Amino acid sequence: MSAASNRIKELEAQLAEEHDKWMRSEAEMQNLRARTKREIDDARQYAVQKFARDVVEAAENLKRGLASLPPKTEGEDSIITKMREGIEGTERSFLSILERHGVVCSDPSGQAFDANHHQAMAEQPSPDHETGTVMQAWTPTWTLHGRLLKPAMVVVAKN
């Protein structure tokens, strides 16, 4: 009876070992599925990153075009007024569409310089700003679903 009892114990130990291996394999498969799903979701979400960078350039050019118009005056020609209003409406619509698809524009002026989101183009003395503060943004910070798309080009205060 002891030989049979030993054999049963051996088989139970072997069964427990195989069950443990199976459980580990199952856990690894679940982790693999979750990781693969996350990678697919990321790929889907950020697949348009290169396209979005190009579109952001167009948005910045539109803003520069608006900024280059002379200031609005009382006696301004109605054609110029309508053109200005049309371009402003186009810009608002364009930015709204970008935001709807996860592309967000933010002005870093007044914020602390952050090398992860800002590109310092110049440093300038300023009694009105603390050292390391963004005094002026030449271009805004652009993100795609929270991920940096294009850093802001900024002027940073130094004292």
N, C-alpha and C. Protein backbone atom coordinates (compact mmCIF):
# COMPACT_ATOMS: atom_id res chain seq x y z
N MET A 1 0.80 -1.19 0.00
CA MET A 1 0.00 0.00 0.00
C MET A 1 0.85 1.26 0.00
N SER A 2 2.02 1.20 0.60
CA SER A 2 2.87 2.38 0.66
C SER A 2 3.40 2.75 -0.72
N ALA A 3 3.64 1.76 -1.59
CA ALA A 3 4.09 2.06 -2.95
C ALA A 3 3.00 2.79 -3.71
N ALA A 4 1.77 2.35 -3.55
CA ALA A 4 0.64 3.02 -4.21
C ALA A 4 0.44 4.41 -3.63
N SER A 5 0.60 4.52 -2.33
CA SER A 5 0.45 5.82 -1.65
C SER A 5 1.53 6.79 -2.12
N ASN A 6 2.76 6.31 -2.26
CA ASN A 6 3.85 7.16 -2.77
C ASN A 6 3.57 7.60 -4.20
N ARG A 7 3.05 6.65 -4.98
CA ARG A 7 2.75 6.96 -6.39
C ARG A 7 1.66 8.03 -6.47
N ILE A 8 0.65 7.93 -5.60
CA ILE A 8 -0.43 8.92 -5.58
C ILE A 8 0.14 10.29 -5.22
N LYS A 9 1.02 10.33 -4.22
CA LYS A 9 1.64 11.60 -3.81
C LYS A 9 2.47 12.19 -4.94
N GLU A 10 3.20 11.32 -5.65
CA GLU A 10 4.00 11.78 -6.80
C GLU A 10 3.10 12.39 -7.86
N LEU A 11 2.01 11.67 -8.17
CA LEU A 11 1.08 12.15 -9.20
C LEU A 11 0.39 13.44 -8.77
N GLU A 12 0.04 13.55 -7.47
CA GLU A 12 -0.57 14.78 -6.97
C GLU A 12 0.41 15.95 -7.07
N ALA A 13 1.67 15.69 -6.74
CA ALA A 13 2.69 16.74 -6.84
C ALA A 13 2.88 17.15 -8.30
N GLN A 14 2.90 16.16 -9.17
CA GLN A 14 3.04 16.43 -10.61
C GLN A 14 1.84 17.22 -11.12
N LEU A 15 0.65 16.85 -10.66
CA LEU A 15 -0.58 17.56 -11.05
C LEU A 15 -0.53 19.01 -10.56
N ALA A 16 -0.10 19.20 -9.33
CA ALA A 16 -0.01 20.56 -8.77
C ALA A 16 1.00 21.39 -9.56
N GLU A 17 2.11 20.77 -9.94
CA GLU A 17 3.14 21.47 -10.73
C GLU A 17 2.59 21.86 -12.11
N GLU A 18 1.89 20.92 -12.75
CA GLU A 18 1.32 21.21 -14.07
C GLU A 18 0.22 22.27 -13.97
N HIS A 19 -0.56 22.21 -12.90
CA HIS A 19 -1.61 23.21 -12.69
C HIS A 19 -0.97 24.59 -12.51
N ASP A 20 0.11 24.65 -11.75
CA ASP A 20 0.83 25.91 -11.53
C ASP A 20 1.37 26.46 -12.86
N LYS A 21 1.95 25.57 -13.68
CA LYS A 21 2.46 26.00 -14.99
C LYS A 21 1.32 26.54 -15.86
N TRP A 22 0.19 25.84 -15.82
CA TRP A 22 -0.97 26.27 -16.61
C TRP A 22 -1.46 27.64 -16.14
N MET A 23 -1.54 27.84 -14.82
CA MET A 23 -2.00 29.12 -14.27
C MET A 23 -1.05 30.25 -14.67
N ARG A 24 0.25 29.99 -14.62
CA ARG A 24 1.23 31.01 -15.03
C ARG A 24 1.08 31.34 -16.52
N SER A 25 0.90 30.30 -17.33
CA SER A 25 0.71 30.51 -18.77
C SER A 25 -0.56 31.32 -19.03
N GLU A 26 -1.61 31.01 -18.30
CA GLU A 26 -2.87 31.74 -18.46
C GLU A 26 -2.69 33.21 -18.07
N ALA A 27 -1.98 33.46 -16.98
CA ALA A 27 -1.72 34.84 -16.54
C ALA A 27 -0.88 35.58 -17.58
N GLU A 28 0.11 34.89 -18.12
CA GLU A 28 0.95 35.51 -19.14
C GLU A 28 0.13 35.83 -20.40
N MET A 29 -0.78 34.95 -20.77
CA MET A 29 -1.64 35.20 -21.94
C MET A 29 -2.54 36.42 -21.69
N GLN A 30 -3.08 36.54 -20.48
CA GLN A 30 -3.91 37.71 -20.17
C GLN A 30 -3.08 38.99 -20.25
N ASN A 31 -1.86 38.95 -19.72
CA ASN A 31 -0.97 40.12 -19.80
C ASN A 31 -0.65 40.46 -21.25
N LEU A 32 -0.40 39.43 -22.06
CA LEU A 32 -0.09 39.64 -23.47
C LEU A 32 -1.29 40.25 -24.20
N ARG A 33 -2.49 39.74 -23.91
CA ARG A 33 -3.69 40.31 -24.53
C ARG A 33 -3.85 41.79 -24.16
N ALA A 34 -3.68 42.09 -22.88
CA ALA A 34 -3.83 43.48 -22.41
C ALA A 34 -2.78 44.38 -23.06
N ARG A 35 -1.53 43.91 -23.12
CA ARG A 35 -0.45 44.70 -23.72
C ARG A 35 -0.71 44.92 -25.21
N THR A 36 -1.14 43.86 -25.90
CA THR A 36 -1.43 43.97 -27.33
C THR A 36 -2.58 44.94 -27.57
N LYS A 37 -3.62 44.86 -26.75
CA LYS A 37 -4.76 45.79 -26.89
C LYS A 37 -4.29 47.23 -26.69
N ARG A 38 -3.46 47.44 -25.67
CA ARG A 38 -2.93 48.79 -25.38
C ARG A 38 -2.10 49.30 -26.55
N GLU A 39 -1.26 48.43 -27.12
CA GLU A 39 -0.43 48.82 -28.26
C GLU A 39 -1.28 49.14 -29.49
N ILE A 40 -2.32 48.35 -29.71
CA ILE A 40 -3.22 48.61 -30.84
C ILE A 40 -3.96 49.93 -30.63
N ASP A 41 -4.45 50.16 -29.41
CA ASP A 41 -5.14 51.42 -29.11
C ASP A 41 -4.21 52.61 -29.31
N ASP A 42 -2.96 52.49 -28.83
CA ASP A 42 -1.98 53.57 -29.02
C ASP A 42 -1.70 53.80 -30.50
N ALA A 43 -1.52 52.72 -31.24
CA ALA A 43 -1.23 52.85 -32.67
C ALA A 43 -2.39 53.53 -33.38
N ARG A 44 -3.60 53.16 -33.02
CA ARG A 44 -4.79 53.77 -33.63
C ARG A 44 -4.86 55.25 -33.26
N GLN A 45 -4.62 55.55 -31.99
CA GLN A 45 -4.76 56.92 -31.50
C GLN A 45 -3.68 57.84 -32.05
N TYR A 46 -2.46 57.34 -32.20
CA TYR A 46 -1.35 58.19 -32.60
C TYR A 46 -0.90 57.97 -34.04
N ALA A 47 -1.65 57.19 -34.81
CA ALA A 47 -1.28 56.93 -36.21
C ALA A 47 -1.28 58.20 -37.03
N VAL A 48 -2.06 59.16 -36.63
CA VAL A 48 -2.19 60.41 -37.39
C VAL A 48 -1.19 61.47 -36.94
N GLN A 49 -0.24 61.10 -36.12
CA GLN A 49 0.69 62.07 -35.54
C GLN A 49 1.42 62.89 -36.60
N LYS A 50 1.97 62.25 -37.61
CA LYS A 50 2.70 62.97 -38.66
C LYS A 50 1.76 63.91 -39.41
N PHE A 51 0.58 63.41 -39.75
CA PHE A 51 -0.41 64.23 -40.43
C PHE A 51 -0.81 65.42 -39.55
N ALA A 52 -1.02 65.17 -38.27
CA ALA A 52 -1.42 66.23 -37.34
C ALA A 52 -0.34 67.31 -37.25
N ARG A 53 0.94 66.91 -37.25
CA ARG A 53 2.03 67.91 -37.24
C ARG A 53 1.94 68.83 -38.45
N ASP A 54 1.68 68.24 -39.61
CA ASP A 54 1.56 69.04 -40.84
C ASP A 54 0.35 69.97 -40.77
N VAL A 55 -0.76 69.49 -40.26
CA VAL A 55 -1.98 70.30 -40.15
C VAL A 55 -1.76 71.45 -39.16
N VAL A 56 -1.01 71.18 -38.09
CA VAL A 56 -0.69 72.21 -37.11
C VAL A 56 0.09 73.35 -37.77
N GLU A 57 0.98 73.00 -38.68
CA GLU A 57 1.72 74.04 -39.42
C GLU A 57 0.76 74.94 -40.18
N ALA A 58 -0.26 74.35 -40.80
CA ALA A 58 -1.25 75.13 -41.53
C ALA A 58 -2.03 76.04 -40.57
N ALA A 59 -2.36 75.53 -39.39
CA ALA A 59 -3.08 76.34 -38.39
C ALA A 59 -2.23 77.52 -37.95
N GLU A 60 -0.93 77.28 -37.75
CA GLU A 60 -0.03 78.37 -37.35
C GLU A 60 0.11 79.40 -38.47
N ASN A 61 0.17 78.94 -39.71
CA ASN A 61 0.25 79.87 -40.85
C ASN A 61 -1.02 80.71 -40.95
N LEU A 62 -2.16 80.11 -40.69
CA LEU A 62 -3.42 80.85 -40.70
C LEU A 62 -3.40 81.94 -39.63
N LYS A 63 -2.92 81.59 -38.44
CA LYS A 63 -2.83 82.57 -37.34
C LYS A 63 -1.85 83.69 -37.70
N ARG A 64 -0.71 83.34 -38.31
CA ARG A 64 0.25 84.37 -38.72
C ARG A 64 -0.37 85.29 -39.78
N GLY A 65 -1.15 84.71 -40.68
CA GLY A 65 -1.83 85.51 -41.70
C GLY A 65 -2.79 86.50 -41.06
N LEU A 66 -3.54 86.05 -40.07
CA LEU A 66 -4.46 86.95 -39.36
C LEU A 66 -3.69 88.05 -38.63
N ALA A 67 -2.59 87.67 -38.00
CA ALA A 67 -1.79 88.64 -37.24
C ALA A 67 -1.16 89.68 -38.16
N SER A 68 -0.94 89.32 -39.41
CA SER A 68 -0.28 90.26 -40.33
C SER A 68 -1.25 91.30 -40.91
N LEU A 69 -2.55 91.08 -40.73
CA LEU A 69 -3.51 92.07 -41.21
C LEU A 69 -3.37 93.35 -40.40
N PRO A 70 -3.58 94.50 -41.05
CA PRO A 70 -3.51 95.75 -40.29
C PRO A 70 -4.64 95.79 -39.25
N PRO A 71 -4.44 96.55 -38.17
CA PRO A 71 -5.49 96.63 -37.14
C PRO A 71 -6.80 97.15 -37.74
N LYS A 72 -7.90 96.66 -37.19
CA LYS A 72 -9.21 97.07 -37.67
C LYS A 72 -9.44 98.55 -37.32
N THR A 73 -9.97 99.28 -38.29
CA THR A 73 -10.26 100.71 -38.07
C THR A 73 -11.72 100.98 -38.35
N GLU A 74 -12.19 102.16 -37.90
CA GLU A 74 -13.59 102.55 -38.11
C GLU A 74 -13.95 102.63 -39.58
N GLY A 75 -13.09 103.25 -40.38
CA GLY A 75 -13.40 103.46 -41.79
C GLY A 75 -12.90 102.35 -42.69
N GLU A 76 -12.68 101.18 -42.13
CA GLU A 76 -12.13 100.07 -42.91
C GLU A 76 -13.11 99.66 -44.02
N ASP A 77 -12.56 99.35 -45.15
CA ASP A 77 -13.36 98.90 -46.30
C ASP A 77 -14.13 97.64 -45.89
N SER A 78 -15.39 97.56 -46.27
CA SER A 78 -16.23 96.43 -45.87
C SER A 78 -15.71 95.10 -46.42
N ILE A 79 -15.05 95.13 -47.55
CA ILE A 79 -14.48 93.89 -48.11
C ILE A 79 -13.38 93.36 -47.19
N ILE A 80 -12.55 94.27 -46.68
CA ILE A 80 -11.47 93.86 -45.76
C ILE A 80 -12.10 93.32 -44.47
N THR A 81 -13.12 93.99 -43.97
CA THR A 81 -13.79 93.55 -42.75
C THR A 81 -14.36 92.15 -42.94
N LYS A 82 -15.04 91.92 -44.05
CA LYS A 82 -15.63 90.60 -44.31
C LYS A 82 -14.54 89.54 -44.48
N MET A 83 -13.45 89.92 -45.12
CA MET A 83 -12.34 88.98 -45.30
C MET A 83 -11.76 88.62 -43.92
N ARG A 84 -11.55 89.62 -43.07
CA ARG A 84 -11.00 89.38 -41.74
C ARG A 84 -11.94 88.45 -40.95
N GLU A 85 -13.23 88.75 -40.97
CA GLU A 85 -14.21 87.94 -40.25
C GLU A 85 -14.26 86.52 -40.80
N GLY A 86 -14.15 86.38 -42.11
CA GLY A 86 -14.14 85.06 -42.72
C GLY A 86 -12.92 84.25 -42.30
N ILE A 87 -11.77 84.88 -42.29
CA ILE A 87 -10.54 84.18 -41.89
C ILE A 87 -10.61 83.82 -40.41
N GLU A 88 -11.11 84.74 -39.57
CA GLU A 88 -11.25 84.45 -38.14
C GLU A 88 -12.21 83.28 -37.91
N GLY A 89 -13.31 83.26 -38.65
CA GLY A 89 -14.26 82.15 -38.54
C GLY A 89 -13.65 80.84 -38.99
N THR A 90 -12.87 80.90 -40.06
CA THR A 90 -12.18 79.70 -40.55
C THR A 90 -11.21 79.19 -39.49
N GLU A 91 -10.48 80.10 -38.86
CA GLU A 91 -9.53 79.69 -37.83
C GLU A 91 -10.25 79.04 -36.65
N ARG A 92 -11.34 79.66 -36.18
CA ARG A 92 -12.11 79.08 -35.06
C ARG A 92 -12.61 77.68 -35.41
N SER A 93 -13.15 77.54 -36.60
CA SER A 93 -13.67 76.25 -37.04
C SER A 93 -12.55 75.21 -37.13
N PHE A 94 -11.43 75.62 -37.69
CA PHE A 94 -10.27 74.74 -37.86
C PHE A 94 -9.78 74.24 -36.50
N LEU A 95 -9.62 75.17 -35.53
CA LEU A 95 -9.15 74.79 -34.21
C LEU A 95 -10.16 73.89 -33.50
N SER A 96 -11.44 74.15 -33.71
CA SER A 96 -12.49 73.32 -33.11
C SER A 96 -12.43 71.89 -33.65
N ILE A 97 -12.23 71.76 -34.94
CA ILE A 97 -12.12 70.43 -35.56
C ILE A 97 -10.89 69.70 -35.02
N LEU A 98 -9.77 70.41 -34.91
CA LEU A 98 -8.56 69.79 -34.37
C LEU A 98 -8.80 69.29 -32.95
N GLU A 99 -9.42 70.14 -32.11
CA GLU A 99 -9.69 69.75 -30.72
C GLU A 99 -10.61 68.54 -30.65
N ARG A 100 -11.59 68.48 -31.53
CA ARG A 100 -12.51 67.35 -31.55
C ARG A 100 -11.76 66.04 -31.82
N HIS A 101 -10.63 66.13 -32.51
CA HIS A 101 -9.84 64.94 -32.83
C HIS A 101 -8.61 64.80 -31.94
N GLY A 102 -8.60 65.52 -30.81
CA GLY A 102 -7.54 65.34 -29.82
C GLY A 102 -6.33 66.21 -29.98
N VAL A 103 -6.33 67.13 -30.95
CA VAL A 103 -5.19 68.05 -31.13
C VAL A 103 -5.51 69.34 -30.39
N VAL A 104 -4.71 69.64 -29.37
CA VAL A 104 -4.97 70.80 -28.52
C VAL A 104 -3.80 71.77 -28.58
N CYS A 105 -4.16 73.04 -28.65
CA CYS A 105 -3.20 74.14 -28.73
C CYS A 105 -3.24 74.89 -27.39
N SER A 106 -2.07 75.21 -26.81
CA SER A 106 -2.07 75.99 -25.57
C SER A 106 -0.94 77.01 -25.59
N ASP A 107 -1.25 78.17 -25.04
CA ASP A 107 -0.28 79.27 -24.97
C ASP A 107 0.46 79.18 -23.64
N PRO A 108 1.77 78.99 -23.65
CA PRO A 108 2.52 78.83 -22.41
C PRO A 108 2.96 80.14 -21.76
N SER A 109 2.56 81.28 -22.30
CA SER A 109 2.98 82.57 -21.75
C SER A 109 2.63 82.65 -20.27
N GLY A 110 3.62 83.07 -19.46
CA GLY A 110 3.42 83.21 -18.03
C GLY A 110 3.71 81.95 -17.24
N GLN A 111 3.89 80.82 -17.90
CA GLN A 111 4.17 79.56 -17.22
C GLN A 111 5.68 79.41 -17.00
N ALA A 112 6.04 78.51 -16.10
CA ALA A 112 7.45 78.18 -15.91
C ALA A 112 7.93 77.42 -17.15
N PHE A 113 9.16 77.70 -17.57
CA PHE A 113 9.73 77.01 -18.73
C PHE A 113 9.81 75.52 -18.43
N ASP A 114 9.37 74.70 -19.37
CA ASP A 114 9.40 73.24 -19.25
C ASP A 114 10.03 72.70 -20.53
N ALA A 115 11.24 72.17 -20.42
CA ALA A 115 11.97 71.69 -21.60
C ALA A 115 11.23 70.56 -22.31
N ASN A 116 10.30 69.91 -21.63
CA ASN A 116 9.52 68.84 -22.26
C ASN A 116 8.43 69.37 -23.18
N HIS A 117 8.05 70.65 -23.01
CA HIS A 117 6.96 71.22 -23.80
C HIS A 117 7.32 72.53 -24.48
N HIS A 118 8.48 73.08 -24.16
CA HIS A 118 8.87 74.37 -24.71
C HIS A 118 10.27 74.29 -25.31
N GLN A 119 10.48 75.05 -26.36
CA GLN A 119 11.80 75.17 -26.97
C GLN A 119 12.21 76.63 -26.81
N ALA A 120 13.26 76.86 -26.01
CA ALA A 120 13.71 78.23 -25.75
C ALA A 120 14.42 78.76 -26.99
N MET A 121 13.89 79.81 -27.57
CA MET A 121 14.48 80.42 -28.75
C MET A 121 15.37 81.59 -28.35
N ALA A 122 15.09 82.18 -27.18
CA ALA A 122 15.88 83.31 -26.70
C ALA A 122 15.66 83.46 -25.20
N GLU A 123 16.64 84.10 -24.55
CA GLU A 123 16.50 84.51 -23.16
C GLU A 123 16.57 86.03 -23.16
N GLN A 124 15.79 86.63 -22.28
CA GLN A 124 15.72 88.08 -22.28
C GLN A 124 15.57 88.57 -20.84
N PRO A 125 16.34 89.59 -20.47
CA PRO A 125 16.17 90.15 -19.13
C PRO A 125 14.78 90.78 -18.99
N SER A 126 14.17 90.61 -17.83
CA SER A 126 12.84 91.19 -17.60
C SER A 126 12.63 91.41 -16.11
N PRO A 127 12.43 92.66 -15.72
CA PRO A 127 12.14 92.92 -14.31
C PRO A 127 10.72 92.49 -13.92
N ASP A 128 9.87 92.26 -14.91
CA ASP A 128 8.47 91.92 -14.66
C ASP A 128 8.21 90.42 -14.52
N HIS A 129 9.21 89.59 -14.85
CA HIS A 129 9.02 88.14 -14.82
C HIS A 129 10.12 87.49 -13.99
N GLU A 130 9.78 86.38 -13.35
CA GLU A 130 10.79 85.60 -12.63
C GLU A 130 11.67 84.87 -13.63
N THR A 131 12.91 84.61 -13.25
CA THR A 131 13.81 83.85 -14.11
C THR A 131 13.18 82.48 -14.40
N GLY A 132 13.25 82.08 -15.66
CA GLY A 132 12.71 80.78 -16.06
C GLY A 132 11.24 80.81 -16.44
N THR A 133 10.66 82.00 -16.47
CA THR A 133 9.25 82.13 -16.87
C THR A 133 9.17 82.42 -18.36
N VAL A 134 8.20 81.82 -19.02
CA VAL A 134 7.98 82.09 -20.44
C VAL A 134 7.37 83.48 -20.56
N MET A 135 8.12 84.39 -21.17
CA MET A 135 7.66 85.78 -21.35
C MET A 135 6.77 85.91 -22.57
N GLN A 136 7.16 85.20 -23.60
CA GLN A 136 6.47 85.33 -24.88
C GLN A 136 6.54 83.98 -25.61
N ALA A 137 5.44 83.63 -26.26
CA ALA A 137 5.41 82.40 -27.06
C ALA A 137 5.32 82.79 -28.52
N TRP A 138 6.31 82.38 -29.30
CA TRP A 138 6.27 82.65 -30.74
C TRP A 138 5.28 81.70 -31.40
N THR A 139 5.24 80.47 -30.90
CA THR A 139 4.25 79.49 -31.36
C THR A 139 3.70 78.79 -30.13
N PRO A 140 2.48 78.25 -30.20
CA PRO A 140 1.91 77.56 -29.05
C PRO A 140 2.44 76.13 -28.91
N THR A 141 2.11 75.51 -27.78
CA THR A 141 2.38 74.09 -27.57
C THR A 141 1.22 73.32 -28.18
N TRP A 142 1.52 72.28 -28.94
CA TRP A 142 0.49 71.44 -29.56
C TRP A 142 0.62 70.03 -29.01
N THR A 143 -0.51 69.44 -28.59
CA THR A 143 -0.51 68.06 -28.11
C THR A 143 -1.57 67.25 -28.87
N LEU A 144 -1.34 65.96 -28.95
CA LEU A 144 -2.29 65.02 -29.56
C LEU A 144 -2.65 64.00 -28.49
N HIS A 145 -3.88 64.06 -28.01
CA HIS A 145 -4.35 63.18 -26.93
C HIS A 145 -3.39 63.23 -25.74
N GLY A 146 -2.92 64.43 -25.40
CA GLY A 146 -2.05 64.61 -24.25
C GLY A 146 -0.57 64.38 -24.52
N ARG A 147 -0.23 63.85 -25.66
CA ARG A 147 1.17 63.60 -26.02
C ARG A 147 1.68 64.78 -26.84
N LEU A 148 2.90 65.24 -26.52
CA LEU A 148 3.47 66.39 -27.22
C LEU A 148 3.55 66.13 -28.71
N LEU A 149 3.02 67.06 -29.48
CA LEU A 149 3.06 66.99 -30.93
C LEU A 149 4.12 67.96 -31.45
N LYS A 150 4.09 69.18 -30.88
CA LYS A 150 5.05 70.20 -31.30
C LYS A 150 5.27 71.15 -30.12
N PRO A 151 6.54 71.32 -29.71
CA PRO A 151 6.79 72.22 -28.57
C PRO A 151 6.59 73.68 -28.96
N ALA A 152 6.26 74.48 -27.97
CA ALA A 152 6.13 75.92 -28.19
C ALA A 152 7.52 76.52 -28.34
N MET A 153 7.65 77.49 -29.23
CA MET A 153 8.89 78.24 -29.35
C MET A 153 8.72 79.48 -28.49
N VAL A 154 9.59 79.63 -27.49
CA VAL A 154 9.35 80.66 -26.48
C VAL A 154 10.58 81.52 -26.19
N VAL A 155 10.29 82.68 -25.58
CA VAL A 155 11.32 83.57 -25.05
C VAL A 155 11.21 83.44 -23.53
N VAL A 156 12.35 83.17 -22.88
CA VAL A 156 12.36 82.91 -21.44
C VAL A 156 13.02 84.08 -20.72
N ALA A 157 12.45 84.45 -19.58
CA ALA A 157 12.99 85.54 -18.77
C ALA A 157 14.24 85.09 -18.04
N LYS A 158 15.20 86.00 -17.96
CA LYS A 158 16.39 85.75 -17.13
C LYS A 158 16.73 87.07 -16.43
N ASN A 159 17.17 86.96 -15.21
CA ASN A 159 17.51 88.18 -14.44
C ASN A 159 18.90 88.06 -13.86
